[in-house]
């Protein structure tokens, strides 16, 4: 019987030690789980902020491009009206529009450029290419001024009623999506 009594005898000091270590293990596990969950939440917030910040950057980019293209369309239309009168070569040369392409050129180096719909970027590239080619041809007398006027007016009419409107609509859509997230344009930049 004494042998049986020894087996049932429990060392309370050992139990306390086991309970202590078990408690420590639970604390470590709960800390790890808590840090993991906090990191996940922080990562989600960081990714959301990054996405919204890129959307805002792209909104500004699209609106800047829209303004630049709107000015270009107006300049080309003014030049086309001059060409329609069959002016002398000196007038054709002096009145030649110098299209601002600062935003368009800068977009090459902007990482948010490719977030702009590719069909819009392609249409802008085509518009600048056709307009430059027509303006260059009339300046070299490769085509007549009235024909150049007709071509330029066709190009601007198509562009301002199609791709230019799509560009504006796409910027407005970004603004709407940001507003849906309770973000007003300029807030993320601290304006």
N, C-alpha and C. Protein backbone atom coordinates (compact mmCIF):
# COMPACT_ATOMS: atom_id res chain seq x y z
N UNK A 1 0.80 -1.20 0.00
CA UNK A 1 0.00 0.00 0.00
C UNK A 1 0.84 1.27 0.00
N UNK A 2 1.93 1.24 0.68
CA UNK A 2 2.73 2.44 0.64
C UNK A 2 3.19 2.78 -0.78
N UNK A 3 3.37 1.75 -1.60
CA UNK A 3 3.77 2.03 -2.98
C UNK A 3 2.67 2.75 -3.74
N UNK A 4 1.45 2.32 -3.52
CA UNK A 4 0.29 2.95 -4.17
C UNK A 4 0.12 4.39 -3.70
N UNK A 5 0.37 4.62 -2.48
CA UNK A 5 0.25 5.96 -1.91
C UNK A 5 1.28 6.89 -2.54
N UNK A 6 2.44 6.37 -2.85
CA UNK A 6 3.45 7.22 -3.47
C UNK A 6 3.02 7.64 -4.87
N UNK A 7 2.35 6.77 -5.59
CA UNK A 7 1.91 7.10 -6.94
C UNK A 7 0.84 8.17 -6.92
N UNK A 8 -0.02 8.14 -5.90
CA UNK A 8 -1.09 9.12 -5.84
C UNK A 8 -0.61 10.45 -5.28
N UNK A 9 0.50 10.44 -4.63
CA UNK A 9 1.02 11.66 -4.06
C UNK A 9 1.47 12.59 -5.18
N UNK A 10 0.93 13.78 -5.17
CA UNK A 10 1.24 14.75 -6.22
C UNK A 10 2.09 15.85 -5.63
N UNK A 11 3.13 16.20 -6.38
CA UNK A 11 4.01 17.28 -5.94
C UNK A 11 3.39 18.60 -6.39
N UNK A 12 2.85 19.38 -5.44
CA UNK A 12 2.19 20.64 -5.78
C UNK A 12 3.18 21.67 -6.33
N UNK A 13 4.38 21.59 -5.96
CA UNK A 13 5.40 22.49 -6.51
C UNK A 13 5.56 22.27 -8.01
N UNK A 14 5.51 20.99 -8.42
CA UNK A 14 5.62 20.66 -9.84
C UNK A 14 4.39 21.14 -10.59
N UNK A 15 3.20 21.00 -9.97
CA UNK A 15 1.96 21.46 -10.59
C UNK A 15 2.00 22.96 -10.81
N UNK A 16 2.48 23.67 -9.81
CA UNK A 16 2.60 25.12 -9.95
C UNK A 16 3.55 25.46 -11.09
N UNK A 17 4.61 24.75 -11.19
CA UNK A 17 5.57 25.00 -12.27
C UNK A 17 4.93 24.72 -13.63
N UNK A 18 4.21 23.64 -13.75
CA UNK A 18 3.54 23.30 -15.00
C UNK A 18 2.49 24.35 -15.35
N UNK A 19 1.71 24.75 -14.35
CA UNK A 19 0.70 25.78 -14.59
C UNK A 19 1.33 27.09 -15.02
N UNK A 20 2.44 27.42 -14.40
CA UNK A 20 3.15 28.65 -14.76
C UNK A 20 3.59 28.61 -16.22
N UNK A 21 4.19 27.49 -16.60
CA UNK A 21 4.71 27.39 -17.96
C UNK A 21 3.57 27.28 -18.98
N UNK A 22 2.51 26.63 -18.59
CA UNK A 22 1.35 26.55 -19.47
C UNK A 22 0.76 27.94 -19.69
N UNK A 23 0.67 28.69 -18.62
CA UNK A 23 0.18 30.07 -18.70
C UNK A 23 1.09 30.90 -19.61
N UNK A 24 2.38 30.74 -19.45
CA UNK A 24 3.33 31.48 -20.29
C UNK A 24 3.18 31.09 -21.76
N UNK A 25 2.98 29.80 -22.00
CA UNK A 25 2.81 29.33 -23.38
C UNK A 25 1.56 29.95 -24.00
N UNK A 26 0.46 29.98 -23.24
CA UNK A 26 -0.77 30.61 -23.75
C UNK A 26 -0.56 32.10 -24.02
N UNK A 27 0.17 32.75 -23.14
CA UNK A 27 0.44 34.18 -23.35
C UNK A 27 1.26 34.41 -24.61
N UNK A 28 2.24 33.58 -24.84
CA UNK A 28 3.08 33.71 -26.03
C UNK A 28 2.24 33.46 -27.29
N UNK A 29 1.45 32.40 -27.26
CA UNK A 29 0.59 32.09 -28.41
C UNK A 29 -0.40 33.22 -28.66
N UNK A 30 -1.02 33.72 -27.60
CA UNK A 30 -2.00 34.81 -27.79
C UNK A 30 -1.31 36.08 -28.27
N UNK A 31 -0.09 36.34 -27.82
CA UNK A 31 0.65 37.51 -28.30
C UNK A 31 0.97 37.36 -29.78
N UNK A 32 1.41 36.19 -30.17
CA UNK A 32 1.73 35.95 -31.59
C UNK A 32 0.48 36.11 -32.45
N UNK A 33 -0.62 35.51 -32.00
CA UNK A 33 -1.88 35.63 -32.74
C UNK A 33 -2.32 37.09 -32.79
N UNK A 34 -2.21 37.80 -31.69
CA UNK A 34 -2.59 39.22 -31.65
C UNK A 34 -1.75 40.07 -32.58
N UNK A 35 -0.44 39.84 -32.56
CA UNK A 35 0.46 40.58 -33.45
C UNK A 35 0.14 40.26 -34.90
N UNK A 36 -0.10 38.98 -35.18
CA UNK A 36 -0.44 38.57 -36.55
C UNK A 36 -1.72 39.27 -37.02
N UNK A 37 -2.75 39.24 -36.19
CA UNK A 37 -4.02 39.88 -36.56
C UNK A 37 -3.86 41.39 -36.72
N UNK A 38 -3.09 42.01 -35.85
CA UNK A 38 -2.85 43.45 -35.96
C UNK A 38 -2.07 43.76 -37.23
N UNK A 39 -1.09 42.91 -37.55
CA UNK A 39 -0.30 43.12 -38.77
C UNK A 39 -1.18 42.97 -40.00
N UNK A 40 -2.05 41.97 -39.98
CA UNK A 40 -2.97 41.78 -41.11
C UNK A 40 -3.85 43.01 -41.29
N UNK A 41 -4.39 43.49 -40.20
CA UNK A 41 -5.26 44.67 -40.25
C UNK A 41 -4.47 45.88 -40.74
N UNK A 42 -3.25 46.04 -40.22
CA UNK A 42 -2.40 47.15 -40.65
C UNK A 42 -2.04 47.04 -42.11
N UNK A 43 -1.75 45.83 -42.56
CA UNK A 43 -1.42 45.60 -43.97
C UNK A 43 -2.61 45.95 -44.86
N UNK A 44 -3.78 45.52 -44.45
CA UNK A 44 -4.99 45.84 -45.23
C UNK A 44 -5.19 47.34 -45.32
N UNK A 45 -5.00 48.04 -44.21
CA UNK A 45 -5.15 49.49 -44.21
C UNK A 45 -4.08 50.15 -45.09
N UNK A 46 -2.85 49.65 -45.01
CA UNK A 46 -1.77 50.21 -45.83
C UNK A 46 -2.04 49.99 -47.31
N UNK A 47 -2.51 48.80 -47.66
CA UNK A 47 -2.82 48.52 -49.06
C UNK A 47 -3.98 49.37 -49.55
N UNK A 48 -4.98 49.55 -48.71
CA UNK A 48 -6.12 50.38 -49.08
C UNK A 48 -5.68 51.83 -49.27
N UNK A 49 -4.85 52.33 -48.38
CA UNK A 49 -4.35 53.70 -48.50
C UNK A 49 -3.53 53.85 -49.78
N UNK A 50 -2.68 52.86 -50.07
CA UNK A 50 -1.86 52.91 -51.28
C UNK A 50 -2.73 52.92 -52.52
N UNK A 51 -3.75 52.07 -52.54
CA UNK A 51 -4.66 52.01 -53.69
C UNK A 51 -5.39 53.34 -53.88
N UNK A 52 -5.90 53.90 -52.80
CA UNK A 52 -6.63 55.17 -52.89
C UNK A 52 -5.69 56.31 -53.27
N UNK A 53 -4.48 56.27 -52.78
CA UNK A 53 -3.50 57.30 -53.12
C UNK A 53 -3.16 57.24 -54.61
N UNK A 54 -3.00 56.02 -55.14
CA UNK A 54 -2.72 55.86 -56.58
C UNK A 54 -3.91 56.32 -57.41
N UNK A 55 -5.12 56.04 -56.93
CA UNK A 55 -6.31 56.50 -57.65
C UNK A 55 -6.34 58.02 -57.71
N UNK A 56 -6.00 58.66 -56.60
CA UNK A 56 -5.99 60.12 -56.57
C UNK A 56 -4.90 60.66 -57.50
N UNK A 57 -3.71 60.05 -57.48
CA UNK A 57 -2.64 60.46 -58.39
C UNK A 57 -3.09 60.33 -59.84
N UNK A 58 -3.75 59.22 -60.14
CA UNK A 58 -4.20 59.00 -61.51
C UNK A 58 -5.31 59.97 -61.89
N UNK A 59 -6.14 60.36 -60.95
CA UNK A 59 -7.16 61.38 -61.22
C UNK A 59 -6.48 62.68 -61.65
N UNK A 60 -5.49 63.11 -60.89
CA UNK A 60 -4.78 64.35 -61.24
C UNK A 60 -4.10 64.23 -62.60
N UNK A 61 -3.51 63.08 -62.85
CA UNK A 61 -2.84 62.85 -64.13
C UNK A 61 -3.84 62.94 -65.28
N UNK A 62 -4.97 62.28 -65.15
CA UNK A 62 -5.98 62.30 -66.21
C UNK A 62 -6.54 63.70 -66.43
N UNK A 63 -6.79 64.43 -65.34
CA UNK A 63 -7.33 65.79 -65.48
C UNK A 63 -6.30 66.73 -66.11
N UNK A 64 -5.04 66.56 -65.76
CA UNK A 64 -3.98 67.38 -66.37
C UNK A 64 -3.88 67.07 -67.86
N UNK A 65 -3.93 65.80 -68.20
CA UNK A 65 -3.89 65.41 -69.61
C UNK A 65 -5.12 65.94 -70.34
N UNK A 66 -6.27 65.85 -69.70
CA UNK A 66 -7.50 66.37 -70.30
C UNK A 66 -7.36 67.86 -70.61
N UNK A 67 -6.88 68.63 -69.65
CA UNK A 67 -6.71 70.08 -69.86
C UNK A 67 -5.73 70.36 -70.99
N UNK A 68 -4.62 69.62 -71.02
CA UNK A 68 -3.63 69.81 -72.07
C UNK A 68 -4.22 69.49 -73.44
N UNK A 69 -4.96 68.40 -73.54
CA UNK A 69 -5.57 68.00 -74.81
C UNK A 69 -6.68 68.95 -75.23
N UNK A 70 -7.46 69.43 -74.28
CA UNK A 70 -8.51 70.39 -74.58
C UNK A 70 -7.90 71.66 -75.19
N UNK A 71 -6.80 72.12 -74.61
CA UNK A 71 -6.09 73.28 -75.17
C UNK A 71 -5.56 72.98 -76.57
N UNK A 72 -5.02 71.78 -76.77
CA UNK A 72 -4.48 71.39 -78.07
C UNK A 72 -5.58 71.38 -79.13
N UNK A 73 -6.74 70.84 -78.78
CA UNK A 73 -7.87 70.80 -79.72
C UNK A 73 -8.25 72.22 -80.13
N UNK A 74 -8.33 73.12 -79.18
CA UNK A 74 -8.69 74.51 -79.48
C UNK A 74 -7.65 75.18 -80.37
N UNK A 75 -6.37 74.95 -80.08
CA UNK A 75 -5.30 75.52 -80.91
C UNK A 75 -5.36 74.98 -82.34
N UNK A 76 -5.59 73.70 -82.48
CA UNK A 76 -5.65 73.08 -83.81
C UNK A 76 -6.86 73.59 -84.57
N UNK A 77 -7.99 73.74 -83.89
CA UNK A 77 -9.19 74.26 -84.56
C UNK A 77 -8.97 75.70 -85.03
N UNK A 78 -8.30 76.50 -84.23
CA UNK A 78 -7.99 77.88 -84.62
C UNK A 78 -7.08 77.87 -85.85
N UNK A 79 -6.08 77.02 -85.84
CA UNK A 79 -5.16 76.91 -86.98
C UNK A 79 -5.90 76.41 -88.22
N UNK A 80 -6.81 75.47 -88.05
CA UNK A 80 -7.58 74.94 -89.19
C UNK A 80 -8.40 76.05 -89.84
N UNK A 81 -8.94 76.96 -89.04
CA UNK A 81 -9.70 78.09 -89.59
C UNK A 81 -8.80 79.01 -90.40
N UNK A 82 -7.56 79.18 -89.95
CA UNK A 82 -6.59 79.98 -90.72
C UNK A 82 -6.30 79.28 -92.04
N UNK A 83 -6.08 77.97 -91.99
CA UNK A 83 -5.76 77.20 -93.20
C UNK A 83 -6.92 77.19 -94.19
N UNK A 84 -8.14 77.25 -93.71
CA UNK A 84 -9.31 77.21 -94.59
C UNK A 84 -9.35 78.40 -95.54
N UNK A 85 -8.64 79.47 -95.20
CA UNK A 85 -8.63 80.69 -96.04
C UNK A 85 -7.51 80.66 -97.07
N UNK A 86 -6.84 79.54 -97.23
CA UNK A 86 -5.72 79.39 -98.17
C UNK A 86 -4.70 80.51 -98.02
N UNK A 87 -4.11 80.65 -96.85
CA UNK A 87 -3.16 81.73 -96.62
C UNK A 87 -1.82 81.48 -97.30
N UNK A 88 -1.00 82.51 -97.43
CA UNK A 88 0.35 82.31 -97.98
C UNK A 88 1.21 81.48 -97.01
N UNK A 89 2.30 80.95 -97.54
CA UNK A 89 3.16 80.07 -96.75
C UNK A 89 3.66 80.74 -95.48
N UNK A 90 3.97 82.02 -95.53
CA UNK A 90 4.48 82.71 -94.35
C UNK A 90 3.45 82.69 -93.21
N UNK A 91 2.18 82.83 -93.54
CA UNK A 91 1.12 82.79 -92.53
C UNK A 91 0.98 81.37 -91.98
N UNK A 92 1.05 80.39 -92.87
CA UNK A 92 0.97 78.99 -92.44
C UNK A 92 2.09 78.68 -91.45
N UNK A 93 3.28 79.17 -91.74
CA UNK A 93 4.43 78.93 -90.87
C UNK A 93 4.32 79.70 -89.55
N UNK A 94 3.94 80.97 -89.65
CA UNK A 94 3.86 81.82 -88.44
C UNK A 94 2.72 81.39 -87.51
N UNK A 95 1.64 80.92 -88.07
CA UNK A 95 0.47 80.55 -87.26
C UNK A 95 0.50 79.10 -86.77
N UNK A 96 1.52 78.38 -87.22
CA UNK A 96 1.64 76.96 -86.84
C UNK A 96 1.53 76.81 -85.32
N UNK A 97 0.62 75.96 -84.84
CA UNK A 97 0.48 75.80 -83.39
C UNK A 97 1.65 75.00 -82.80
N UNK A 98 2.10 75.46 -81.68
CA UNK A 98 3.13 74.73 -80.93
C UNK A 98 2.38 74.04 -79.78
N UNK A 99 2.02 72.81 -80.01
CA UNK A 99 1.21 72.08 -79.04
C UNK A 99 2.02 71.75 -77.79
N UNK A 100 1.46 72.13 -76.65
CA UNK A 100 2.08 71.78 -75.37
C UNK A 100 1.88 70.29 -75.14
N UNK A 101 2.98 69.62 -74.86
CA UNK A 101 2.91 68.17 -74.60
C UNK A 101 3.63 67.83 -73.30
N UNK A 102 3.67 68.79 -72.41
CA UNK A 102 4.38 68.57 -71.15
C UNK A 102 3.80 67.37 -70.38
N UNK A 103 2.50 67.38 -70.19
CA UNK A 103 1.87 66.29 -69.43
C UNK A 103 2.05 64.97 -70.17
N UNK A 104 1.80 64.99 -71.48
CA UNK A 104 1.91 63.78 -72.28
C UNK A 104 3.33 63.22 -72.21
N UNK A 105 4.34 64.08 -72.31
CA UNK A 105 5.73 63.63 -72.24
C UNK A 105 6.08 63.15 -70.83
N UNK A 106 5.60 63.85 -69.83
CA UNK A 106 5.89 63.50 -68.43
C UNK A 106 5.27 62.15 -68.06
N UNK A 107 4.18 61.81 -68.69
CA UNK A 107 3.50 60.55 -68.37
C UNK A 107 4.38 59.34 -68.63
N UNK A 108 5.37 59.48 -69.50
CA UNK A 108 6.28 58.37 -69.77
C UNK A 108 6.99 57.90 -68.51
N UNK A 109 7.18 58.82 -67.58
CA UNK A 109 7.96 58.52 -66.38
C UNK A 109 7.10 58.38 -65.13
N UNK A 110 5.80 58.42 -65.30
CA UNK A 110 4.89 58.35 -64.15
C UNK A 110 4.37 56.92 -64.00
N UNK A 111 4.56 56.32 -62.84
CA UNK A 111 4.12 54.92 -62.66
C UNK A 111 2.61 54.73 -62.74
N UNK A 112 1.83 55.79 -62.55
CA UNK A 112 0.38 55.63 -62.59
C UNK A 112 -0.18 55.76 -64.01
N UNK A 113 0.68 56.07 -64.98
CA UNK A 113 0.21 56.24 -66.36
C UNK A 113 -0.53 55.01 -66.86
N UNK A 114 0.02 53.85 -66.59
CA UNK A 114 -0.57 52.63 -67.14
C UNK A 114 -1.84 52.21 -66.42
N UNK A 115 -2.25 52.98 -65.41
CA UNK A 115 -3.55 52.76 -64.78
C UNK A 115 -4.64 53.50 -65.55
N UNK A 116 -4.22 54.34 -66.49
CA UNK A 116 -5.17 55.01 -67.38
C UNK A 116 -5.57 53.99 -68.44
N UNK A 117 -6.84 53.90 -68.79
CA UNK A 117 -7.25 52.91 -69.79
C UNK A 117 -6.41 52.99 -71.07
N UNK A 118 -5.95 51.85 -71.54
CA UNK A 118 -5.05 51.80 -72.69
C UNK A 118 -5.70 52.35 -73.96
N UNK A 119 -7.01 52.18 -74.10
CA UNK A 119 -7.67 52.71 -75.30
C UNK A 119 -7.58 54.23 -75.33
N UNK A 120 -7.63 54.88 -74.18
CA UNK A 120 -7.51 56.34 -74.13
C UNK A 120 -6.09 56.75 -74.48
N UNK A 121 -5.10 56.07 -73.90
CA UNK A 121 -3.71 56.38 -74.19
C UNK A 121 -3.41 56.20 -75.68
N UNK A 122 -3.95 55.14 -76.27
CA UNK A 122 -3.74 54.90 -77.71
C UNK A 122 -4.38 56.00 -78.55
N UNK A 123 -5.57 56.42 -78.18
CA UNK A 123 -6.25 57.48 -78.93
C UNK A 123 -5.50 58.81 -78.82
N UNK A 124 -4.95 59.10 -77.66
CA UNK A 124 -4.17 60.34 -77.48
C UNK A 124 -2.93 60.28 -78.37
N UNK A 125 -2.24 59.15 -78.36
CA UNK A 125 -1.05 58.98 -79.20
C UNK A 125 -1.39 59.16 -80.67
N UNK A 126 -2.49 58.56 -81.11
CA UNK A 126 -2.91 58.70 -82.51
C UNK A 126 -3.27 60.15 -82.84
N UNK A 127 -3.98 60.81 -81.93
CA UNK A 127 -4.38 62.19 -82.16
C UNK A 127 -3.16 63.08 -82.36
N UNK A 128 -2.21 63.00 -81.43
CA UNK A 128 -1.00 63.81 -81.56
C UNK A 128 -0.25 63.47 -82.84
N UNK A 129 -0.16 62.18 -83.16
CA UNK A 129 0.55 61.77 -84.37
C UNK A 129 -0.09 62.30 -85.64
N UNK A 130 -1.41 62.15 -85.76
CA UNK A 130 -2.11 62.63 -86.96
C UNK A 130 -2.05 64.14 -87.06
N UNK A 131 -2.27 64.83 -85.96
CA UNK A 131 -2.25 66.30 -85.99
C UNK A 131 -0.86 66.80 -86.36
N UNK A 132 0.17 66.25 -85.74
CA UNK A 132 1.54 66.67 -86.05
C UNK A 132 1.89 66.40 -87.51
N UNK A 133 1.49 65.24 -88.01
CA UNK A 133 1.77 64.87 -89.40
C UNK A 133 1.07 65.83 -90.36
N UNK A 134 -0.20 66.12 -90.11
CA UNK A 134 -0.95 67.02 -90.99
C UNK A 134 -0.36 68.43 -90.94
N UNK A 135 -0.04 68.91 -89.76
CA UNK A 135 0.55 70.25 -89.62
C UNK A 135 1.91 70.31 -90.32
N UNK A 136 2.70 69.25 -90.18
CA UNK A 136 3.99 69.19 -90.85
C UNK A 136 3.83 69.16 -92.37
N UNK A 137 2.88 68.38 -92.87
CA UNK A 137 2.67 68.27 -94.31
C UNK A 137 2.23 69.59 -94.93
N UNK A 138 1.34 70.31 -94.27
CA UNK A 138 0.88 71.58 -94.83
C UNK A 138 2.01 72.60 -94.78
N UNK A 139 2.87 72.50 -93.77
CA UNK A 139 4.01 73.42 -93.67
C UNK A 139 5.04 73.18 -94.76
N UNK A 140 5.10 71.96 -95.28
CA UNK A 140 6.03 71.62 -96.37
C UNK A 140 5.34 71.69 -97.73
N UNK A 141 4.10 72.10 -97.77
CA UNK A 141 3.27 72.16 -98.98
C UNK A 141 3.05 70.78 -99.58
N UNK A 142 3.13 69.74 -98.78
CA UNK A 142 2.87 68.38 -99.26
C UNK A 142 1.38 68.18 -99.47
N UNK A 143 0.56 68.93 -98.75
CA UNK A 143 -0.89 68.93 -98.97
C UNK A 143 -1.36 70.38 -98.95
N UNK A 144 -2.48 70.62 -99.60
CA UNK A 144 -3.04 71.97 -99.65
C UNK A 144 -3.58 72.41 -98.29
N UNK A 145 -3.63 73.72 -98.10
CA UNK A 145 -4.06 74.25 -96.81
C UNK A 145 -5.54 73.95 -96.53
N UNK A 146 -6.38 74.01 -97.55
CA UNK A 146 -7.80 73.71 -97.33
C UNK A 146 -8.02 72.24 -96.98
N UNK A 147 -7.27 71.38 -97.66
CA UNK A 147 -7.36 69.96 -97.36
C UNK A 147 -6.85 69.70 -95.93
N UNK A 148 -5.76 70.35 -95.57
CA UNK A 148 -5.22 70.21 -94.21
C UNK A 148 -6.24 70.71 -93.19
N UNK A 149 -6.91 71.81 -93.51
CA UNK A 149 -7.93 72.36 -92.62
C UNK A 149 -9.03 71.33 -92.40
N UNK A 150 -9.47 70.72 -93.49
CA UNK A 150 -10.53 69.70 -93.41
C UNK A 150 -10.07 68.51 -92.55
N UNK A 151 -8.85 68.04 -92.79
CA UNK A 151 -8.32 66.91 -92.02
C UNK A 151 -8.22 67.24 -90.53
N UNK A 152 -7.70 68.43 -90.22
CA UNK A 152 -7.53 68.82 -88.82
C UNK A 152 -8.87 68.96 -88.11
N UNK A 153 -9.85 69.53 -88.81
CA UNK A 153 -11.18 69.68 -88.20
C UNK A 153 -11.84 68.32 -87.97
N UNK A 154 -11.64 67.39 -88.91
CA UNK A 154 -12.17 66.03 -88.73
C UNK A 154 -11.50 65.36 -87.53
N UNK A 155 -10.18 65.53 -87.43
CA UNK A 155 -9.44 64.92 -86.32
C UNK A 155 -9.88 65.48 -84.97
N UNK A 156 -10.02 66.80 -84.90
CA UNK A 156 -10.40 67.41 -83.62
C UNK A 156 -11.85 67.08 -83.27
N UNK A 157 -12.71 67.06 -84.27
CA UNK A 157 -14.12 66.74 -84.01
C UNK A 157 -14.26 65.32 -83.45
N UNK A 158 -13.59 64.38 -84.10
CA UNK A 158 -13.62 63.00 -83.61
C UNK A 158 -13.05 62.93 -82.20
N UNK A 159 -11.90 63.56 -82.00
CA UNK A 159 -11.20 63.44 -80.73
C UNK A 159 -11.96 64.07 -79.57
N UNK A 160 -12.49 65.28 -79.78
CA UNK A 160 -13.16 65.94 -78.65
C UNK A 160 -14.51 65.31 -78.32
N UNK A 161 -15.13 64.65 -79.29
CA UNK A 161 -16.43 64.02 -79.03
C UNK A 161 -16.32 62.53 -78.67
N UNK A 162 -15.12 62.01 -78.69
CA UNK A 162 -14.91 60.59 -78.36
C UNK A 162 -13.89 60.43 -77.25
N UNK A 163 -12.63 60.26 -77.64
CA UNK A 163 -11.59 59.99 -76.64
C UNK A 163 -11.44 61.06 -75.54
N UNK A 164 -11.58 62.32 -75.90
CA UNK A 164 -11.45 63.37 -74.89
C UNK A 164 -12.57 63.27 -73.84
N UNK A 165 -13.77 62.98 -74.30
CA UNK A 165 -14.89 62.79 -73.36
C UNK A 165 -14.67 61.54 -72.49
N UNK A 166 -14.14 60.48 -73.10
CA UNK A 166 -13.86 59.26 -72.34
C UNK A 166 -12.81 59.52 -71.26
N UNK A 167 -11.83 60.33 -71.60
CA UNK A 167 -10.79 60.68 -70.63
C UNK A 167 -11.40 61.44 -69.46
N UNK A 168 -12.25 62.40 -69.75
CA UNK A 168 -12.92 63.19 -68.70
C UNK A 168 -13.82 62.27 -67.86
N UNK A 169 -14.56 61.40 -68.54
CA UNK A 169 -15.45 60.47 -67.82
C UNK A 169 -14.66 59.52 -66.92
N UNK A 170 -13.50 59.06 -67.40
CA UNK A 170 -12.69 58.15 -66.58
C UNK A 170 -12.14 58.87 -65.34
N UNK A 171 -11.78 60.14 -65.50
CA UNK A 171 -11.32 60.92 -64.33
C UNK A 171 -12.48 61.15 -63.36
N UNK A 172 -13.64 61.46 -63.90
CA UNK A 172 -14.82 61.65 -63.05
C UNK A 172 -15.18 60.37 -62.30
N UNK A 173 -14.99 59.22 -62.95
CA UNK A 173 -15.27 57.93 -62.31
C UNK A 173 -14.31 57.71 -61.14
N UNK A 174 -13.04 58.07 -61.32
CA UNK A 174 -12.09 57.96 -60.21
C UNK A 174 -12.51 58.86 -59.05
N UNK A 175 -12.94 60.05 -59.39
CA UNK A 175 -13.38 61.00 -58.35
C UNK A 175 -14.59 60.43 -57.60
N UNK A 176 -15.50 59.81 -58.34
CA UNK A 176 -16.69 59.21 -57.74
C UNK A 176 -16.31 58.04 -56.82
N UNK A 177 -15.38 57.20 -57.28
CA UNK A 177 -14.94 56.07 -56.47
C UNK A 177 -14.25 56.54 -55.18
N UNK A 178 -13.48 57.60 -55.29
CA UNK A 178 -12.82 58.15 -54.11
C UNK A 178 -13.86 58.74 -53.15
N UNK A 179 -14.86 59.42 -53.70
CA UNK A 179 -15.92 59.99 -52.86
C UNK A 179 -16.70 58.89 -52.15
N UNK A 180 -16.85 57.75 -52.82
CA UNK A 180 -17.54 56.60 -52.22
C UNK A 180 -16.79 56.10 -50.99
N UNK A 181 -15.48 56.30 -50.98
CA UNK A 181 -14.64 55.92 -49.83
C UNK A 181 -14.51 57.09 -48.85
N UNK A 182 -15.35 58.11 -49.03
CA UNK A 182 -15.32 59.32 -48.19
C UNK A 182 -14.01 60.08 -48.30
N UNK A 183 -13.44 60.09 -49.50
CA UNK A 183 -12.20 60.82 -49.74
C UNK A 183 -12.47 61.89 -50.79
N UNK A 184 -12.19 63.11 -50.41
CA UNK A 184 -12.32 64.21 -51.35
C UNK A 184 -10.96 64.41 -52.00
N UNK A 185 -10.97 64.81 -53.26
CA UNK A 185 -9.73 65.04 -53.98
C UNK A 185 -8.89 66.06 -53.21
N UNK A 186 -7.62 65.74 -53.01
CA UNK A 186 -6.71 66.62 -52.31
C UNK A 186 -6.51 66.27 -50.85
N UNK A 187 -7.40 65.49 -50.26
CA UNK A 187 -7.31 65.17 -48.84
C UNK A 187 -6.10 64.27 -48.54
N UNK A 188 -5.85 63.28 -49.39
CA UNK A 188 -4.72 62.39 -49.15
C UNK A 188 -3.38 63.10 -49.30
N UNK A 189 -3.36 64.18 -50.05
CA UNK A 189 -2.13 64.94 -50.26
C UNK A 189 -1.97 66.05 -49.24
N UNK A 190 -2.95 66.23 -48.39
CA UNK A 190 -2.87 67.25 -47.35
C UNK A 190 -3.13 68.65 -47.86
N UNK A 191 -3.87 68.77 -48.94
CA UNK A 191 -4.18 70.10 -49.50
C UNK A 191 -5.28 70.77 -48.72
